[in-house]
Amino acid sequence: MISNVVWPIVLVVGVTVTGCSRNVTTIPSPPVSASCSSNKDMGGVHFSFHKWKEGLAIMFVDHINGGVTENGSLDETTYTDRVSVRRADGTGYEWQLTTKDGRSADLRINDVSYDLTKGALFAIQIDGKKVIVHQVDRDLSKLNIDLAQCTAFVNNSPDIIQLVSDEATKQQSKRGITSQ
């Protein structure tokens, strides 16, 4: 049994403890993409496709035989992906994509901003040391993160292949692009 002196103390402590709970707001984490990239010889054509379950989809197609480095980062509200694609001679391009909701994003290629409402497929061409970016309006929403499906999409887009390189077009028409 609790004495009469202890009851006021229990009551004060109980009110203080229950009254001290604080409101905790949960911040939803930013969405991260899933991606697939060609990693086999596709007639010299390479692609990288990124898709978010919230709806954003973006594809890069190029004719650069070289190295790719990628660095993704995530903070409380934003997902950022930084990618560098370089030939052996150092020529290439870098892109950075930032999204908070997985539906829209800020995209920069070689420090130039692109409005994704004007197209989310980017055909990157190297002419000597000059990088030429072609922004193309294509529906990417039906593509899945599936190498065979993405390969078929690129393979069935001769205009995109033509944009990245005449040599790629010649090789593709001779052999076709395969996903093996």
Protein backbone atom coordinates (compact mmCIF):
# COMPACT_ATOMS: atom_id res chain seq x y z
CA MET A 1 0.00 0.00 0.00
CA ILE A 2 1.28 3.47 -0.91
CA SER A 3 1.35 6.00 1.91
CA ASN A 4 -0.39 9.37 1.75
CA VAL A 5 2.97 11.13 1.34
CA VAL A 6 3.96 9.03 -1.69
CA TRP A 7 0.69 9.55 -3.66
CA PRO A 8 1.35 13.23 -4.47
CA ILE A 9 4.86 12.33 -5.63
CA VAL A 10 3.57 9.48 -7.86
CA LEU A 11 0.90 11.76 -9.26
CA VAL A 12 3.39 14.57 -10.06
CA VAL A 13 5.90 12.16 -11.62
CA GLY A 14 3.18 10.42 -13.64
CA VAL A 15 1.82 13.71 -15.00
CA THR A 16 5.32 14.97 -15.75
CA VAL A 17 6.34 11.79 -17.58
CA THR A 18 3.19 11.53 -19.66
CA GLY A 19 3.19 15.26 -20.35
CA CYS A 20 6.79 15.15 -21.62
CA SER A 21 6.16 13.07 -24.70
CA ARG A 22 7.16 15.03 -27.77
CA ASN A 23 5.72 15.06 -31.24
CA VAL A 24 8.00 13.22 -33.65
CA THR A 25 7.47 13.91 -37.33
CA THR A 26 8.59 11.15 -39.64
CA ILE A 27 10.15 12.45 -42.84
CA PRO A 28 9.65 10.03 -45.71
CA SER A 29 12.94 9.00 -47.21
CA PRO A 30 13.53 10.12 -50.79
CA PRO A 31 13.01 7.55 -53.52
CA VAL A 32 15.95 5.73 -55.05
CA SER A 33 15.99 4.46 -58.62
CA ALA A 34 16.50 0.98 -59.95
CA SER A 35 18.58 0.79 -63.11
CA CYS A 36 19.92 -1.41 -65.85
CA SER A 37 22.81 -0.75 -68.20
CA SER A 38 24.22 -2.46 -71.24
CA ASN A 39 27.44 -4.13 -70.26
CA LYS A 40 28.12 -6.26 -73.30
CA ASP A 41 29.14 -5.31 -76.82
CA MET A 42 26.07 -3.83 -78.46
CA GLY A 43 27.71 -2.61 -81.63
CA GLY A 44 29.42 0.12 -79.68
CA VAL A 45 26.14 1.55 -78.36
CA HIS A 46 25.71 1.73 -74.60
CA PHE A 47 22.68 2.72 -72.55
CA SER A 48 21.81 3.35 -68.95
CA PHE A 49 18.15 3.33 -67.86
CA HIS A 50 16.97 4.56 -64.46
CA LYS A 51 13.42 4.29 -63.14
CA TRP A 52 11.65 5.21 -59.92
CA LYS A 53 8.51 3.42 -58.73
CA GLU A 54 6.93 6.88 -58.37
CA GLY A 55 7.10 7.33 -62.17
CA LEU A 56 10.31 9.14 -63.14
CA ALA A 57 12.25 7.34 -65.91
CA ILE A 58 15.38 8.52 -67.71
CA MET A 59 17.70 6.93 -70.28
CA PHE A 60 21.15 7.83 -71.56
CA VAL A 61 22.41 6.34 -74.84
CA ASP A 62 25.96 6.88 -76.07
CA HIS A 63 28.72 5.39 -78.21
CA ILE A 64 31.54 5.73 -75.72
CA ASN A 65 33.82 2.79 -75.07
CA GLY A 66 35.37 3.61 -71.75
CA GLY A 67 34.76 3.78 -68.05
CA VAL A 68 31.75 4.72 -65.99
CA THR A 69 31.88 5.92 -62.40
CA GLU A 70 28.75 6.45 -60.36
CA ASN A 71 28.20 8.02 -56.97
CA GLY A 72 24.73 8.09 -55.48
CA SER A 73 23.90 9.84 -52.25
CA LEU A 74 20.88 10.06 -50.04
CA ASP A 75 20.05 12.56 -47.34
CA GLU A 76 16.83 13.16 -45.39
CA THR A 77 14.92 14.65 -48.32
CA THR A 78 16.91 14.23 -51.53
CA TYR A 79 18.41 11.50 -53.70
CA THR A 80 21.33 12.56 -55.91
CA ASP A 81 23.07 10.47 -58.55
CA ARG A 82 26.34 11.60 -60.16
CA VAL A 83 27.70 9.68 -63.14
CA SER A 84 30.81 10.20 -65.24
CA VAL A 85 31.26 8.44 -68.60
CA ARG A 86 34.74 8.75 -70.15
CA ARG A 87 36.67 7.38 -73.11
CA ALA A 88 40.30 6.41 -72.65
CA ASP A 89 41.36 9.84 -73.94
CA GLY A 90 39.30 11.54 -71.22
CA THR A 91 36.53 12.78 -73.51
CA GLY A 92 33.07 12.15 -72.16
CA TYR A 93 30.28 13.58 -70.09
CA GLU A 94 29.00 13.84 -66.56
CA TRP A 95 25.44 13.97 -65.40
CA GLN A 96 23.84 14.73 -62.08
CA LEU A 97 20.23 14.04 -61.20
CA THR A 98 18.51 15.19 -58.01
CA THR A 99 14.99 14.21 -56.96
CA LYS A 100 12.93 14.61 -53.81
CA ASP A 101 9.81 12.78 -54.95
CA GLY A 102 10.75 10.27 -57.70
CA ARG A 103 8.31 11.99 -60.09
CA SER A 104 10.35 15.03 -61.10
CA ALA A 105 14.04 15.84 -61.02
CA ASP A 106 16.71 18.39 -61.73
CA LEU A 107 19.15 17.10 -64.35
CA ARG A 108 22.46 18.58 -65.41
CA ILE A 109 24.70 17.17 -68.15
CA ASN A 110 28.15 18.77 -68.27
CA ASP A 111 26.82 21.61 -66.10
CA VAL A 112 23.88 22.38 -68.44
CA SER A 113 20.35 22.05 -67.00
CA TYR A 114 17.70 20.07 -68.88
CA ASP A 115 13.93 20.27 -68.45
CA LEU A 116 12.74 16.66 -68.27
CA THR A 117 9.24 17.65 -69.39
CA LYS A 118 10.82 18.14 -72.84
CA GLY A 119 12.15 14.57 -72.94
CA ALA A 120 13.94 12.12 -70.70
CA LEU A 121 15.99 10.21 -73.27
CA PHE A 122 19.44 11.64 -73.90
CA ALA A 123 21.51 10.54 -76.89
CA ILE A 124 25.08 11.64 -76.24
CA GLN A 125 27.38 12.05 -79.24
CA ILE A 126 31.13 12.69 -79.19
CA ASP A 127 32.45 14.60 -82.19
CA GLY A 128 36.22 14.78 -81.73
CA LYS A 129 36.51 16.37 -78.28
CA LYS A 130 33.07 18.00 -78.48
CA VAL A 131 30.13 16.49 -76.57
CA ILE A 132 26.72 16.91 -78.22
CA VAL A 133 23.62 16.20 -76.16
CA HIS A 134 20.38 15.35 -77.98
CA GLN A 135 17.30 15.49 -75.75
CA VAL A 136 14.57 13.26 -77.16
CA ASP A 137 10.92 13.08 -76.11
CA ARG A 138 10.10 9.35 -75.86
CA ASP A 139 7.66 7.55 -73.64
CA LEU A 140 9.82 5.56 -71.23
CA SER A 141 6.99 4.84 -68.79
CA LYS A 142 6.30 1.34 -70.11
CA LEU A 143 9.93 0.23 -69.91
CA ASN A 144 10.86 -1.97 -66.97
CA ILE A 145 14.24 -2.47 -65.39
CA ASP A 146 14.90 -5.38 -67.68
CA LEU A 147 18.04 -5.63 -69.80
CA ALA A 148 16.38 -7.50 -72.68
CA GLN A 149 13.45 -5.06 -72.84
CA CYS A 150 15.71 -1.99 -72.70
CA THR A 151 18.02 -3.48 -75.32
CA ALA A 152 15.05 -4.12 -77.61
CA PHE A 153 13.86 -0.54 -77.05
CA VAL A 154 17.24 0.88 -78.11
CA ASN A 155 17.55 -1.66 -80.93
CA ASN A 156 14.16 -0.56 -82.29
CA SER A 157 15.16 3.12 -82.20
CA PRO A 158 17.42 3.58 -85.24
CA ASP A 159 17.00 7.36 -84.99
CA ILE A 160 18.55 7.30 -81.51
CA ILE A 161 21.39 5.07 -82.69
CA GLN A 162 21.95 7.46 -85.61
CA LEU A 163 22.20 10.39 -83.18
CA VAL A 164 25.01 8.85 -81.17
CA SER A 165 27.24 7.77 -84.04
CA ASP A 166 27.29 6.82 -87.71
CA GLU A 167 29.69 4.01 -86.82
CA ALA A 168 27.20 2.64 -84.30
CA THR A 169 24.51 2.65 -86.99
CA LYS A 170 26.74 0.71 -89.39
CA GLN A 171 27.63 -1.85 -86.73
CA GLN A 172 24.03 -2.15 -85.52
CA SER A 173 22.63 -2.68 -89.00
CA LYS A 174 25.27 -5.37 -89.67
CA ARG A 175 24.84 -7.31 -86.44
CA GLY A 176 21.92 -5.92 -84.47
CA ILE A 177 22.18 -5.17 -80.80
CA THR A 178 21.91 -8.15 -78.51
CA SER A 179 21.45 -8.42 -74.78
CA GLN A 180 23.60 -11.54 -74.31
